């Protein structure tokens, strides 16, 4: 089972996406800000995937992506979901792989994850 760190500051989106991810067979650790994300990164033995909003409180999404990839270099991919494309350039430079505009239909995530062979 793939273990996912999911960072999203909007409670309703975080909970609804988390439910979809779990239905697809992913183990999800869902947090609401950069500080919680960093805490999970530091205490975890592994994560296979990071799905992150582009903006939230605490550590920036760029800092989270950099630290995540530093600790879990085998993790592929890093997915950004954001309502602002302005955050993408810095996140791409930090190592993020793909951008989804928020709100993103869950099926778009599913098709992407199926396309790269992470879920059936």
PDB file of N, CA and C in Angstrom:
ATOM      1  N   UNK A   1       0.847  -1.177   0.000  1.00  0.00           N
ATOM      2  CA  UNK A   1       0.000   0.000   0.000  1.00  0.00           C
ATOM      3  C   UNK A   1       0.893   1.240   0.000  1.00  0.00           C
ATOM      4  N   UNK A   2       0.596   2.160  -0.905  1.00  0.00           N
ATOM      5  CA  UNK A   2       1.367   3.403  -0.982  1.00  0.00           C
ATOM      6  C   UNK A   2       0.978   4.344   0.148  1.00  0.00           C
ATOM      7  N   UNK A   3       1.988   4.976   0.733  1.00  0.00           N
ATOM      8  CA  UNK A   3       1.758   5.916   1.823  1.00  0.00           C
ATOM      9  C   UNK A   3       1.928   7.338   1.292  1.00  0.00           C
ATOM     10  N   UNK A   4       0.886   8.140   1.497  1.00  0.00           N
ATOM     11  CA  UNK A   4       0.815   9.487   0.942  1.00  0.00           C
ATOM     12  C   UNK A   4       0.759  10.525   2.060  1.00  0.00           C
ATOM     13  N   UNK A   5       1.563  11.574   1.915  1.00  0.00           N
ATOM     14  CA  UNK A   5       1.419  12.757   2.759  1.00  0.00           C
ATOM     15  C   UNK A   5       0.614  13.761   1.951  1.00  0.00           C
ATOM     16  N   UNK A   6      -0.520  14.169   2.490  1.00  0.00           N
ATOM     17  CA  UNK A   6      -1.436  15.083   1.807  1.00  0.00           C
ATOM     18  C   UNK A   6      -1.571  16.348   2.641  1.00  0.00           C
ATOM     19  N   UNK A   7      -1.184  17.492   2.057  1.00  0.00           N
ATOM     20  CA  UNK A   7      -1.223  18.770   2.765  1.00  0.00           C
ATOM     21  C   UNK A   7      -2.244  19.666   2.091  1.00  0.00           C
ATOM     22  N   UNK A   8      -3.296  20.016   2.814  1.00  0.00           N
ATOM     23  CA  UNK A   8      -4.372  20.858   2.289  1.00  0.00           C
ATOM     24  C   UNK A   8      -4.972  21.641   3.449  1.00  0.00           C
ATOM     25  N   UNK A   9      -5.025  22.974   3.313  1.00  0.00           N
ATOM     26  CA  UNK A   9      -5.506  23.788   4.425  1.00  0.00           C
ATOM     27  C   UNK A   9      -7.023  23.906   4.518  1.00  0.00           C
ATOM     28  N   UNK A  10      -7.744  23.636   3.462  1.00  0.00           N
ATOM     29  CA  UNK A  10      -9.213  23.684   3.522  1.00  0.00           C
ATOM     30  C   UNK A  10      -9.745  22.348   4.031  1.00  0.00           C
ATOM     31  N   UNK A  11     -10.394  22.406   5.204  1.00  0.00           N
ATOM     32  CA  UNK A  11     -10.855  21.185   5.869  1.00  0.00           C
ATOM     33  C   UNK A  11     -11.727  20.315   4.967  1.00  0.00           C
ATOM     34  N   UNK A  12     -12.709  20.908   4.302  1.00  0.00           N
ATOM     35  CA  UNK A  12     -13.648  20.122   3.499  1.00  0.00           C
ATOM     36  C   UNK A  12     -12.942  19.437   2.331  1.00  0.00           C
ATOM     37  N   UNK A  13     -12.029  20.145   1.671  1.00  0.00           N
ATOM     38  CA  UNK A  13     -11.273  19.529   0.573  1.00  0.00           C
ATOM     39  C   UNK A  13     -10.357  18.431   1.087  1.00  0.00           C
ATOM     40  N   UNK A  14      -9.685  18.697   2.203  1.00  0.00           N
ATOM     41  CA  UNK A  14      -8.768  17.710   2.768  1.00  0.00           C
ATOM     42  C   UNK A  14      -9.520  16.413   3.082  1.00  0.00           C
ATOM     43  N   UNK A  15     -10.660  16.530   3.707  1.00  0.00           N
ATOM     44  CA  UNK A  15     -11.413  15.338   4.089  1.00  0.00           C
ATOM     45  C   UNK A  15     -11.997  14.610   2.882  1.00  0.00           C
ATOM     46  N   UNK A  16     -12.527  15.350   1.918  1.00  0.00           N
ATOM     47  CA  UNK A  16     -13.127  14.674   0.762  1.00  0.00           C
ATOM     48  C   UNK A  16     -12.068  14.006  -0.109  1.00  0.00           C
ATOM     49  N   UNK A  17     -10.951  14.690  -0.378  1.00  0.00           N
ATOM     50  CA  UNK A  17      -9.872  14.057  -1.153  1.00  0.00           C
ATOM     51  C   UNK A  17      -9.313  12.847  -0.412  1.00  0.00           C
ATOM     52  N   UNK A  18      -9.140  12.980   0.892  1.00  0.00           N
ATOM     53  CA  UNK A  18      -8.608  11.866   1.695  1.00  0.00           C
ATOM     54  C   UNK A  18      -9.487  10.630   1.528  1.00  0.00           C
ATOM     55  N   UNK A  19     -10.801  10.814   1.555  1.00  0.00           N
ATOM     56  CA  UNK A  19     -11.713   9.683   1.368  1.00  0.00           C
ATOM     57  C   UNK A  19     -11.516   9.018   0.011  1.00  0.00           C
ATOM     58  N   UNK A  20     -11.387   9.831  -1.041  1.00  0.00           N
ATOM     59  CA  UNK A  20     -11.151   9.268  -2.372  1.00  0.00           C
ATOM     60  C   UNK A  20      -9.830   8.503  -2.411  1.00  0.00           C
ATOM     61  N   UNK A  21      -8.768   9.114  -1.906  1.00  0.00           N
ATOM     62  CA  UNK A  21      -7.457   8.467  -1.930  1.00  0.00           C
ATOM     63  C   UNK A  21      -7.503   7.114  -1.215  1.00  0.00           C
ATOM     64  N   UNK A  22      -8.186   7.077  -0.073  1.00  0.00           N
ATOM     65  CA  UNK A  22      -8.289   5.824   0.675  1.00  0.00           C
ATOM     66  C   UNK A  22      -9.115   4.786  -0.083  1.00  0.00           C
ATOM     67  N   UNK A  23     -10.161   5.218  -0.783  1.00  0.00           N
ATOM     68  CA  UNK A  23     -10.959   4.292  -1.598  1.00  0.00           C
ATOM     69  C   UNK A  23     -10.102   3.658  -2.701  1.00  0.00           C
ATOM     70  N   UNK A  24      -9.084   4.373  -3.162  1.00  0.00           N
ATOM     71  CA  UNK A  24      -8.200   3.864  -4.215  1.00  0.00           C
ATOM     72  C   UNK A  24      -7.074   3.005  -3.654  1.00  0.00           C
ATOM     73  N   UNK A  25      -7.082   2.786  -2.342  1.00  0.00           N
ATOM     74  CA  UNK A  25      -6.098   1.901  -1.737  1.00  0.00           C
ATOM     75  C   UNK A  25      -4.850   2.578  -1.222  1.00  0.00           C
ATOM     76  N   UNK A  26      -4.872   3.898  -1.086  1.00  0.00           N
ATOM     77  CA  UNK A  26      -3.713   4.621  -0.574  1.00  0.00           C
ATOM     78  C   UNK A  26      -3.832   4.796   0.940  1.00  0.00           C
ATOM     79  N   UNK A  27      -2.717   4.711   1.633  1.00  0.00           N
ATOM     80  CA  UNK A  27      -2.660   5.050   3.054  1.00  0.00           C
ATOM     81  C   UNK A  27      -2.356   6.541   3.124  1.00  0.00           C
ATOM     82  N   UNK A  28      -3.224   7.324   3.757  1.00  0.00           N
ATOM     83  CA  UNK A  28      -3.115   8.777   3.705  1.00  0.00           C
ATOM     84  C   UNK A  28      -2.891   9.372   5.084  1.00  0.00           C
ATOM     85  N   UNK A  29      -1.851  10.206   5.179  1.00  0.00           N
ATOM     86  CA  UNK A  29      -1.645  11.055   6.343  1.00  0.00           C
ATOM     87  C   UNK A  29      -1.980  12.459   5.861  1.00  0.00           C
ATOM     88  N   UNK A  30      -3.084  13.011   6.372  1.00  0.00           N
ATOM     89  CA  UNK A  30      -3.564  14.315   5.914  1.00  0.00           C
ATOM     90  C   UNK A  30      -3.342  15.364   6.992  1.00  0.00           C
ATOM     91  N   UNK A  31      -2.727  16.477   6.590  1.00  0.00           N
ATOM     92  CA  UNK A  31      -2.436  17.576   7.513  1.00  0.00           C
ATOM     93  C   UNK A  31      -2.869  18.893   6.885  1.00  0.00           C
ATOM     94  N   UNK A  32      -2.941  19.935   7.718  1.00  0.00           N
ATOM     95  CA  UNK A  32      -3.521  21.192   7.248  1.00  0.00           C
ATOM     96  C   UNK A  32      -2.528  22.329   7.013  1.00  0.00           C
ATOM     97  N   UNK A  33      -1.258  22.152   7.387  1.00  0.00           N
ATOM     98  CA  UNK A  33      -0.317  23.258   7.179  1.00  0.00           C
ATOM     99  C   UNK A  33       1.120  22.756   7.087  1.00  0.00           C
ATOM    100  N   UNK A  34       2.011  23.686   6.803  1.00  0.00           N
ATOM    101  CA  UNK A  34       3.412  23.344   6.620  1.00  0.00           C
ATOM    102  C   UNK A  34       4.090  22.826   7.864  1.00  0.00           C
ATOM    103  N   UNK A  35       3.706  23.341   9.017  1.00  0.00           N
ATOM    104  CA  UNK A  35       4.316  22.871  10.270  1.00  0.00           C
ATOM    105  C   UNK A  35       3.961  21.409  10.529  1.00  0.00           C
ATOM    106  N   UNK A  36       2.688  21.072  10.331  1.00  0.00           N
ATOM    107  CA  UNK A  36       2.258  19.683  10.518  1.00  0.00           C
ATOM    108  C   UNK A  36       2.911  18.769   9.478  1.00  0.00           C
ATOM    109  N   UNK A  37       3.059  19.265   8.257  1.00  0.00           N
ATOM    110  CA  UNK A  37       3.698  18.478   7.203  1.00  0.00           C
ATOM    111  C   UNK A  37       5.143  18.169   7.583  1.00  0.00           C
ATOM    112  N   UNK A  38       5.875  19.174   8.029  1.00  0.00           N
ATOM    113  CA  UNK A  38       7.272  18.967   8.428  1.00  0.00           C
ATOM    114  C   UNK A  38       7.367  17.981   9.593  1.00  0.00           C
ATOM    115  N   UNK A  39       6.446  18.080  10.526  1.00  0.00           N
ATOM    116  CA  UNK A  39       6.430  17.157  11.659  1.00  0.00           C
ATOM    117  C   UNK A  39       6.248  15.713  11.177  1.00  0.00           C
ATOM    118  N   UNK A  40       5.332  15.507  10.249  1.00  0.00           N
ATOM    119  CA  UNK A  40       5.092  14.164   9.716  1.00  0.00           C
ATOM    120  C   UNK A  40       6.299  13.653   8.924  1.00  0.00           C
ATOM    121  N   UNK A  41       6.903  14.535   8.149  1.00  0.00           N
ATOM    122  CA  UNK A  41       8.095  14.152   7.375  1.00  0.00           C
ATOM    123  C   UNK A  41       9.204  13.695   8.314  1.00  0.00           C
ATOM    124  N   UNK A  42       9.434  14.452   9.377  1.00  0.00           N
ATOM    125  CA  UNK A  42      10.535  14.137  10.292  1.00  0.00           C
ATOM    126  C   UNK A  42      10.304  12.842  11.054  1.00  0.00           C
ATOM    127  N   UNK A  43       9.061  12.547  11.413  1.00  0.00           N
ATOM    128  CA  UNK A  43       8.831  11.354  12.239  1.00  0.00           C
ATOM    129  C   UNK A  43       8.547  10.090  11.426  1.00  0.00           C
ATOM    130  N   UNK A  44       8.286  10.217  10.130  1.00  0.00           N
ATOM    131  CA  UNK A  44       7.938   9.058   9.309  1.00  0.00           C
ATOM    132  C   UNK A  44       9.171   8.275   8.867  1.00  0.00           C
ATOM    133  N   UNK A  45       8.988   6.963   8.748  1.00  0.00           N
ATOM    134  CA  UNK A  45      10.030   6.112   8.180  1.00  0.00           C
ATOM    135  C   UNK A  45      10.044   6.219   6.664  1.00  0.00           C
ATOM    136  N   UNK A  46       8.863   6.406   6.094  1.00  0.00           N
ATOM    137  CA  UNK A  46       8.783   6.552   4.645  1.00  0.00           C
ATOM    138  C   UNK A  46       7.457   7.158   4.209  1.00  0.00           C
ATOM    139  N   UNK A  47       7.491   7.772   3.061  1.00  0.00           N
ATOM    140  CA  UNK A  47       6.321   8.171   2.292  1.00  0.00           C
ATOM    141  C   UNK A  47       6.657   7.850   0.845  1.00  0.00           C
ATOM    142  N   UNK A  48       5.635   7.508   0.079  1.00  0.00           N
ATOM    143  CA  UNK A  48       5.819   7.203  -1.335  1.00  0.00           C
ATOM    144  C   UNK A  48       5.414   8.350  -2.241  1.00  0.00           C
ATOM    145  N   UNK A  49       4.622   9.268  -1.719  1.00  0.00           N
ATOM    146  CA  UNK A  49       4.010  10.298  -2.544  1.00  0.00           C
ATOM    147  C   UNK A  49       3.668  11.503  -1.686  1.00  0.00           C
ATOM    148  N   UNK A  50       3.847  12.691  -2.254  1.00  0.00           N
ATOM    149  CA  UNK A  50       3.417  13.936  -1.614  1.00  0.00           C
ATOM    150  C   UNK A  50       2.416  14.613  -2.525  1.00  0.00           C
ATOM    151  N   UNK A  51       1.257  14.937  -1.963  1.00  0.00           N
ATOM    152  CA  UNK A  51       0.258  15.756  -2.650  1.00  0.00           C
ATOM    153  C   UNK A  51       0.075  16.978  -1.770  1.00  0.00           C
ATOM    154  N   UNK A  52       0.387  18.147  -2.316  1.00  0.00           N
ATOM    155  CA  UNK A  52       0.398  19.347  -1.492  1.00  0.00           C
ATOM    156  C   UNK A  52      -0.298  20.529  -2.157  1.00  0.00           C
ATOM    157  N   UNK A  53      -0.970  21.292  -1.340  1.00  0.00           N
ATOM    158  CA  UNK A  53      -1.496  22.583  -1.756  1.00  0.00           C
ATOM    159  C   UNK A  53      -0.286  23.482  -2.015  1.00  0.00           C
ATOM    160  N   UNK A  54      -0.506  24.566  -2.731  1.00  0.00           N
ATOM    161  CA  UNK A  54       0.594  25.477  -3.024  1.00  0.00           C
ATOM    162  C   UNK A  54       0.834  26.527  -1.965  1.00  0.00           C
ATOM    163  N   UNK A  55      -0.192  26.800  -1.154  1.00  0.00           N
ATOM    164  CA  UNK A  55      -0.067  27.847  -0.130  1.00  0.00           C
ATOM    165  C   UNK A  55      -0.819  27.430   1.127  1.00  0.00           C
ATOM    166  N   UNK A  56      -0.162  27.625   2.269  1.00  0.00           N
ATOM    167  CA  UNK A  56      -0.770  27.357   3.563  1.00  0.00           C
ATOM    168  C   UNK A  56       0.083  28.003   4.642  1.00  0.00           C
ATOM    169  N   UNK A  57      -0.380  27.901   5.871  1.00  0.00           N
ATOM    170  CA  UNK A  57       0.317  28.488   7.021  1.00  0.00           C
ATOM    171  C   UNK A  57       1.559  27.675   7.372  1.00  0.00           C
ATOM    172  N   UNK A  58       2.451  28.299   8.133  1.00  0.00           N
ATOM    173  CA  UNK A  58       3.644  27.605   8.614  1.00  0.00           C
ATOM    174  C   UNK A  58       4.716  27.543   7.544  1.00  0.00           C
ATOM    175  N   UNK A  59       5.493  26.451   7.550  1.00  0.00           N
ATOM    176  CA  UNK A  59       6.510  26.279   6.520  1.00  0.00           C
ATOM    177  C   UNK A  59       5.855  26.395   5.153  1.00  0.00           C
ATOM    178  N   UNK A  60       6.564  26.973   4.203  1.00  0.00           N
ATOM    179  CA  UNK A  60       6.011  27.133   2.860  1.00  0.00           C
ATOM    180  C   UNK A  60       5.962  25.785   2.142  1.00  0.00           C
ATOM    181  N   UNK A  61       5.146  25.732   1.116  1.00  0.00           N
ATOM    182  CA  UNK A  61       5.057  24.509   0.318  1.00  0.00           C
ATOM    183  C   UNK A  61       6.403  24.193  -0.339  1.00  0.00           C
ATOM    184  N   UNK A  62       7.161  25.212  -0.695  1.00  0.00           N
ATOM    185  CA  UNK A  62       8.489  24.989  -1.276  1.00  0.00           C
ATOM    186  C   UNK A  62       9.403  24.313  -0.258  1.00  0.00           C
ATOM    187  N   UNK A  63       9.387  24.790   0.983  1.00  0.00           N
ATOM    188  CA  UNK A  63      10.202  24.175   2.031  1.00  0.00           C
ATOM    189  C   UNK A  63       9.768  22.731   2.281  1.00  0.00           C
ATOM    190  N   UNK A  64       8.461  22.481   2.261  1.00  0.00           N
ATOM    191  CA  UNK A  64       7.937  21.136   2.484  1.00  0.00           C
ATOM    192  C   UNK A  64       8.389  20.199   1.362  1.00  0.00           C
ATOM    193  N   UNK A  65       8.255  20.636   0.109  1.00  0.00           N
ATOM    194  CA  UNK A  65       8.669  19.809  -1.028  1.00  0.00           C
ATOM    195  C   UNK A  65      10.165  19.503  -0.949  1.00  0.00           C
ATOM    196  N   UNK A  66      10.978  20.508  -0.690  1.00  0.00           N
ATOM    197  CA  UNK A  66      12.428  20.292  -0.615  1.00  0.00           C
ATOM    198  C   UNK A  66      12.781  19.280   0.474  1.00  0.00           C
ATOM    199  N   UNK A  67      12.217  19.440   1.656  1.00  0.00           N
ATOM    200  CA  UNK A  67      12.536  18.533   2.762  1.00  0.00           C
ATOM    201  C   UNK A  67      12.009  17.127   2.485  1.00  0.00           C
ATOM    202  N   UNK A  68      10.811  17.044   1.918  1.00  0.00           N
ATOM    203  CA  UNK A  68      10.225  15.754   1.591  1.00  0.00           C
ATOM    204  C   UNK A  68      11.140  14.983   0.636  1.00  0.00           C
ATOM    205  N   UNK A  69      11.578  15.631  -0.424  1.00  0.00           N
ATOM    206  CA  UNK A  69      12.426  14.962  -1.412  1.00  0.00           C
ATOM    207  C   UNK A  69      13.832  14.683  -0.882  1.00  0.00           C
ATOM    208  N   UNK A  70      14.280  15.505   0.054  1.00  0.00           N
ATOM    209  CA  UNK A  70      15.576  15.266   0.676  1.00  0.00           C
ATOM    210  C   UNK A  70      15.523  13.995   1.526  1.00  0.00           C
ATOM    211  N   UNK A  71      14.448  13.831   2.271  1.00  0.00           N
ATOM    212  CA  UNK A  71      14.332  12.668   3.158  1.00  0.00           C
ATOM    213  C   UNK A  71      13.841  11.423   2.421  1.00  0.00           C
ATOM    214  N   UNK A  72      12.989  11.607   1.412  1.00  0.00           N
ATOM    215  CA  UNK A  72      12.410  10.474   0.680  1.00  0.00           C
ATOM    216  C   UNK A  72      12.694  10.609  -0.815  1.00  0.00           C
ATOM    217  N   UNK A  73      13.947  10.503  -1.233  1.00  0.00           N
ATOM    218  CA  UNK A  73      14.280  10.723  -2.645  1.00  0.00           C
ATOM    219  C   UNK A  73      13.658   9.699  -3.595  1.00  0.00           C
ATOM    220  N   UNK A  74      13.234   8.546  -3.063  1.00  0.00           N
ATOM    221  CA  UNK A  74      12.605   7.529  -3.895  1.00  0.00           C
ATOM    222  C   UNK A  74      11.152   7.873  -4.196  1.00  0.00           C
ATOM    223  N   UNK A  75      10.576   8.831  -3.483  1.00  0.00           N
ATOM    224  CA  UNK A  75       9.160   9.169  -3.646  1.00  0.00           C
ATOM    225  C   UNK A  75       8.915   9.815  -5.006  1.00  0.00           C
ATOM    226  N   UNK A  76       7.935   9.280  -5.702  1.00  0.00           N
ATOM    227  CA  UNK A  76       7.561   9.828  -7.001  1.00  0.00           C
ATOM    228  C   UNK A  76       6.061   9.710  -7.118  1.00  0.00           C
ATOM    229  N   UNK A  77       5.366  10.669  -7.575  1.00  0.00           N
ATOM    230  CA  UNK A  77       5.820  12.032  -7.828  1.00  0.00           C
ATOM    231  C   UNK A  77       5.425  12.944  -6.687  1.00  0.00           C
ATOM    232  N   UNK A  78       5.781  14.212  -6.829  1.00  0.00           N
ATOM    233  CA  UNK A  78       5.259  15.254  -5.945  1.00  0.00           C
ATOM    234  C   UNK A  78       4.202  15.988  -6.760  1.00  0.00           C
ATOM    235  N   UNK A  79       2.971  15.976  -6.253  1.00  0.00           N
ATOM    236  CA  UNK A  79       1.840  16.587  -6.942  1.00  0.00           C
ATOM    237  C   UNK A  79       1.427  17.847  -6.199  1.00  0.00           C
ATOM    238  N   UNK A  80       1.243  18.930  -6.947  1.00  0.00           N
ATOM    239  CA  UNK A  80       0.777  20.196  -6.370  1.00  0.00           C
ATOM    240  C   UNK A  80      -0.657  20.428  -6.820  1.00  0.00           C
ATOM    241  N   UNK A  81      -1.503  20.775  -5.867  1.00  0.00           N
ATOM    242  CA  UNK A  81      -2.867  21.169  -6.181  1.00  0.00           C
ATOM    243  C   UNK A  81      -3.064  22.548  -5.572  1.00  0.00           C
ATOM    244  N   UNK A  82      -3.360  23.531  -6.414  1.00  0.00           N
ATOM    245  CA  UNK A  82      -3.444  24.900  -5.920  1.00  0.00           C
ATOM    246  C   UNK A  82      -4.410  25.712  -6.762  1.00  0.00           C
ATOM    247  N   UNK A  83      -5.008  26.713  -6.140  1.00  0.00           N
ATOM    248  CA  UNK A  83      -5.867  27.645  -6.855  1.00  0.00           C
ATOM    249  C   UNK A  83      -5.070  28.752  -7.519  1.00  0.00           C
ATOM    250  N   UNK A  84      -3.760  28.773  -7.296  1.00  0.00           N
ATOM    251  CA  UNK A  84      -2.906  29.817  -7.856  1.00  0.00           C
ATOM    252  C   UNK A  84      -1.730  29.207  -8.602  1.00  0.00           C
ATOM    253  N   UNK A  85      -1.681  29.443  -9.894  1.00  0.00           N
ATOM    254  CA  UNK A  85      -0.578  28.937 -10.699  1.00  0.00           C
ATOM    255  C   UNK A  85       0.714  29.685 -10.376  1.00  0.00           C
ATOM    256  N   UNK A  86       0.616  30.841  -9.701  1.00  0.00           N
ATOM    257  CA  UNK A  86       1.804  31.634  -9.349  1.00  0.00           C
ATOM    258  C   UNK A  86       2.783  30.858  -8.481  1.00  0.00           C
ATOM    259  N   UNK A  87       2.303  29.871  -7.751  1.00  0.00           N
ATOM    260  CA  UNK A  87       3.173  29.099  -6.869  1.00  0.00           C
ATOM    261  C   UNK A  87       3.943  28.009  -7.619  1.00  0.00           C
ATOM    262  N   UNK A  88       3.542  27.695  -8.831  1.00  0.00           N
ATOM    263  CA  UNK A  88       4.089  26.535  -9.526  1.00  0.00           C
ATOM    264  C   UNK A  88       5.575  26.644  -9.832  1.00  0.00           C
ATOM    265  N   UNK A  89       6.043  27.789 -10.323  1.00  0.00           N
ATOM    266  CA  UNK A  89       7.442  27.890 -10.733  1.00  0.00           C
ATOM    267  C   UNK A  89       8.387  27.522  -9.593  1.00  0.00           C
ATOM    268  N   UNK A  90       8.171  28.105  -8.427  1.00  0.00           N
ATOM    269  CA  UNK A  90       9.033  27.801  -7.286  1.00  0.00           C
ATOM    270  C   UNK A  90       8.934  26.358  -6.850  1.00  0.00           C
ATOM    271  N   UNK A  91       7.731  25.796  -6.919  1.00  0.00           N
ATOM    272  CA  UNK A  91       7.547  24.398  -6.540  1.00  0.00           C
ATOM    273  C   UNK A  91       8.183  23.455  -7.553  1.00  0.00           C
ATOM    274  N   UNK A  92       8.091  23.809  -8.810  1.00  0.00           N
ATOM    275  CA  UNK A  92       8.740  22.994  -9.840  1.00  0.00           C
ATOM    276  C   UNK A  92      10.256  23.005  -9.635  1.00  0.00           C
ATOM    277  N   UNK A  93      10.806  24.175  -9.324  1.00  0.00           N
ATOM    278  CA  UNK A  93      12.241  24.283  -9.059  1.00  0.00           C
ATOM    279  C   UNK A  93      12.641  23.474  -7.823  1.00  0.00           C
ATOM    280  N   UNK A  94      11.712  23.357  -6.869  1.00  0.00           N
ATOM    281  CA  UNK A  94      11.986  22.587  -5.650  1.00  0.00           C
ATOM    282  C   UNK A  94      11.893  21.079  -5.892  1.00  0.00           C
ATOM    283  N   UNK A  95      11.287  20.672  -7.017  1.00  0.00           N
ATOM    284  CA  UNK A  95      11.218  19.252  -7.332  1.00  0.00           C
ATOM    285  C   UNK A  95       9.830  18.695  -7.572  1.00  0.00           C
ATOM    286  N   UNK A  96       8.801  19.544  -7.529  1.00  0.00           N
ATOM    287  CA  UNK A  96       7.441  19.065  -7.803  1.00  0.00           C
ATOM    288  C   UNK A  96       7.327  18.628  -9.256  1.00  0.00           C
ATOM    289  N   UNK A  97       6.472  17.649  -9.512  1.00  0.00           N
ATOM    290  CA  UNK A  97       6.380  17.034 -10.829  1.00  0.00           C
ATOM    291  C   UNK A  97       5.182  17.479 -11.662  1.00  0.00           C
ATOM    292  N   UNK A  98       4.048  17.725 -11.022  1.00  0.00           N
ATOM    293  CA  UNK A  98       2.840  18.040 -11.784  1.00  0.00           C
ATOM    294  C   UNK A  98       1.947  18.977 -10.976  1.00  0.00           C
ATOM    295  N   UNK A  99       1.221  19.825 -11.697  1.00  0.00           N
ATOM    296  CA  UNK A  99       0.340  20.815 -11.094  1.00  0.00           C
ATOM    297  C   UNK A  99      -1.096  20.526 -11.504  1.00  0.00           C
ATOM    298  N   UNK A 100      -2.008  20.520 -10.523  1.00  0.00           N
ATOM    299  CA  UNK A 100      -3.441  20.446 -10.773  1.00  0.00           C
ATOM    300  C   UNK A 100      -4.073  21.709 -10.220  1.00  0.00           C
ATOM    301  N   UNK A 101      -4.945  22.329 -11.012  1.00  0.00           N
ATOM    302  CA  UNK A 101      -5.641  23.528 -10.566  1.00  0.00           C
ATOM    303  C   UNK A 101      -6.763  23.143  -9.607  1.00  0.00           C
ATOM    304  N   UNK A 102      -6.871  23.867  -8.505  1.00  0.00           N
ATOM    305  CA  UNK A 102      -7.885  23.608  -7.491  1.00  0.00           C
ATOM    306  C   UNK A 102      -9.133  24.430  -7.783  1.00  0.00           C
ATOM    307  N   UNK A 103     -10.330  23.893  -7.636  1.00  0.00           N
ATOM    308  CA  UNK A 103     -10.586  22.514  -7.226  1.00  0.00           C
ATOM    309  C   UNK A 103     -10.413  21.562  -8.397  1.00  0.00           C
ATOM    310  N   UNK A 104      -9.844  20.435  -8.103  1.00  0.00           N
ATOM    311  CA  UNK A 104      -9.539  19.434  -9.124  1.00  0.00           C
ATOM    312  C   UNK A 104     -10.455  18.235  -8.923  1.00  0.00           C
ATOM    313  N   UNK A 105     -11.116  17.788  -9.981  1.00  0.00           N
ATOM    314  CA  UNK A 105     -11.957  16.592  -9.827  1.00  0.00           C
ATOM    315  C   UNK A 105     -11.116  15.391  -9.395  1.00  0.00           C
ATOM    316  N   UNK A 106     -11.576  14.632  -8.434  1.00  0.00           N
ATOM    317  CA  UNK A 106     -10.814  13.468  -7.977  1.00  0.00           C
ATOM    318  C   UNK A 106     -10.439  12.515  -9.116  1.00  0.00           C
ATOM    319  N   UNK A 107     -11.281  12.403 -10.128  1.00  0.00           N
ATOM    320  CA  UNK A 107     -10.970  11.516 -11.248  1.00  0.00           C
ATOM    321  C   UNK A 107      -9.690  11.921 -11.965  1.00  0.00           C
ATOM    322  N   UNK A 108      -9.355  13.211 -11.969  1.00  0.00           N
ATOM    323  CA  UNK A 108      -8.105  13.652 -12.606  1.00  0.00           C
ATOM    324  C   UNK A 108      -6.902  13.082 -11.861  1.00  0.00           C
ATOM    325  N   UNK A 109      -6.954  13.088 -10.531  1.00  0.00           N
ATOM    326  CA  UNK A 109      -5.893  12.462  -9.738  1.00  0.00           C
ATOM    327  C   UNK A 109      -5.827  10.966 -10.040  1.00  0.00           C
ATOM    328  N   UNK A 110      -6.999  10.335 -10.039  1.00  0.00           N
ATOM    329  CA  UNK A 110      -7.044   8.897 -10.249  1.00  0.00           C
ATOM    330  C   UNK A 110      -6.449   8.526 -11.602  1.00  0.00           C
ATOM    331  N   UNK A 111      -6.826   9.238 -12.645  1.00  0.00           N
ATOM    332  CA  UNK A 111      -6.298   8.951 -13.980  1.00  0.00           C
ATOM    333  C   UNK A 111      -4.788   9.149 -14.031  1.00  0.00           C
ATOM    334  N   UNK A 112      -4.297  10.206 -13.389  1.00  0.00           N
ATOM    335  CA  UNK A 112      -2.853  10.443 -13.369  1.00  0.00           C
ATOM    336  C   UNK A 112      -2.133   9.310 -12.637  1.00  0.00           C
ATOM    337  N   UNK A 113      -2.622   8.946 -11.447  1.00  0.00           N
ATOM    338  CA  UNK A 113      -1.976   7.891 -10.654  1.00  0.00           C
ATOM    339  C   UNK A 113      -2.044   6.545 -11.365  1.00  0.00           C
ATOM    340  N   UNK A 114      -3.145   6.281 -12.067  1.00  0.00           N
ATOM    341  CA  UNK A 114      -3.248   5.054 -12.864  1.00  0.00           C
ATOM    342  C   UNK A 114      -2.262   5.108 -14.031  1.00  0.00           C
ATOM    343  N   UNK A 115      -2.159   6.277 -14.653  1.00  0.00           N
ATOM    344  CA  UNK A 115      -1.285   6.430 -15.814  1.00  0.00           C
ATOM    345  C   UNK A 115       0.179   6.182 -15.514  1.00  0.00           C
ATOM    346  N   UNK A 116       0.588   6.465 -14.288  1.00  0.00           N
ATOM    347  CA  UNK A 116       1.987   6.221 -13.930  1.00  0.00           C
ATOM    348  C   UNK A 116       2.159   4.928 -13.128  1.00  0.00           C
ATOM    349  N   UNK A 117       1.073   4.143 -13.046  1.00  0.00           N
ATOM    350  CA  UNK A 117       1.147   2.826 -12.456  1.00  0.00           C
ATOM    351  C   UNK A 117       1.157   2.754 -10.941  1.00  0.00           C
ATOM    352  N   UNK A 118       0.723   3.815 -10.256  1.00  0.00           N
ATOM    353  CA  UNK A 118       0.724   3.784  -8.795  1.00  0.00           C
ATOM    354  C   UNK A 118      -0.529   3.152  -8.218  1.00  0.00           C
ATOM    355  N   UNK A 119      -1.644   3.205  -8.962  1.00  0.00           N
ATOM    356  CA  UNK A 119      -2.875   2.543  -8.538  1.00  0.00           C
ATOM    357  C   UNK A 119      -3.486   1.854  -9.747  1.00  0.00           C
ATOM    358  N   UNK A 120      -4.404   0.929  -9.471  1.00  0.00           N
ATOM    359  CA  UNK A 120      -5.088   0.229 -10.569  1.00  0.00           C
ATOM    360  C   UNK A 120      -6.355   0.957 -10.954  1.00  0.00           C
TER     361      UNK A 120
END
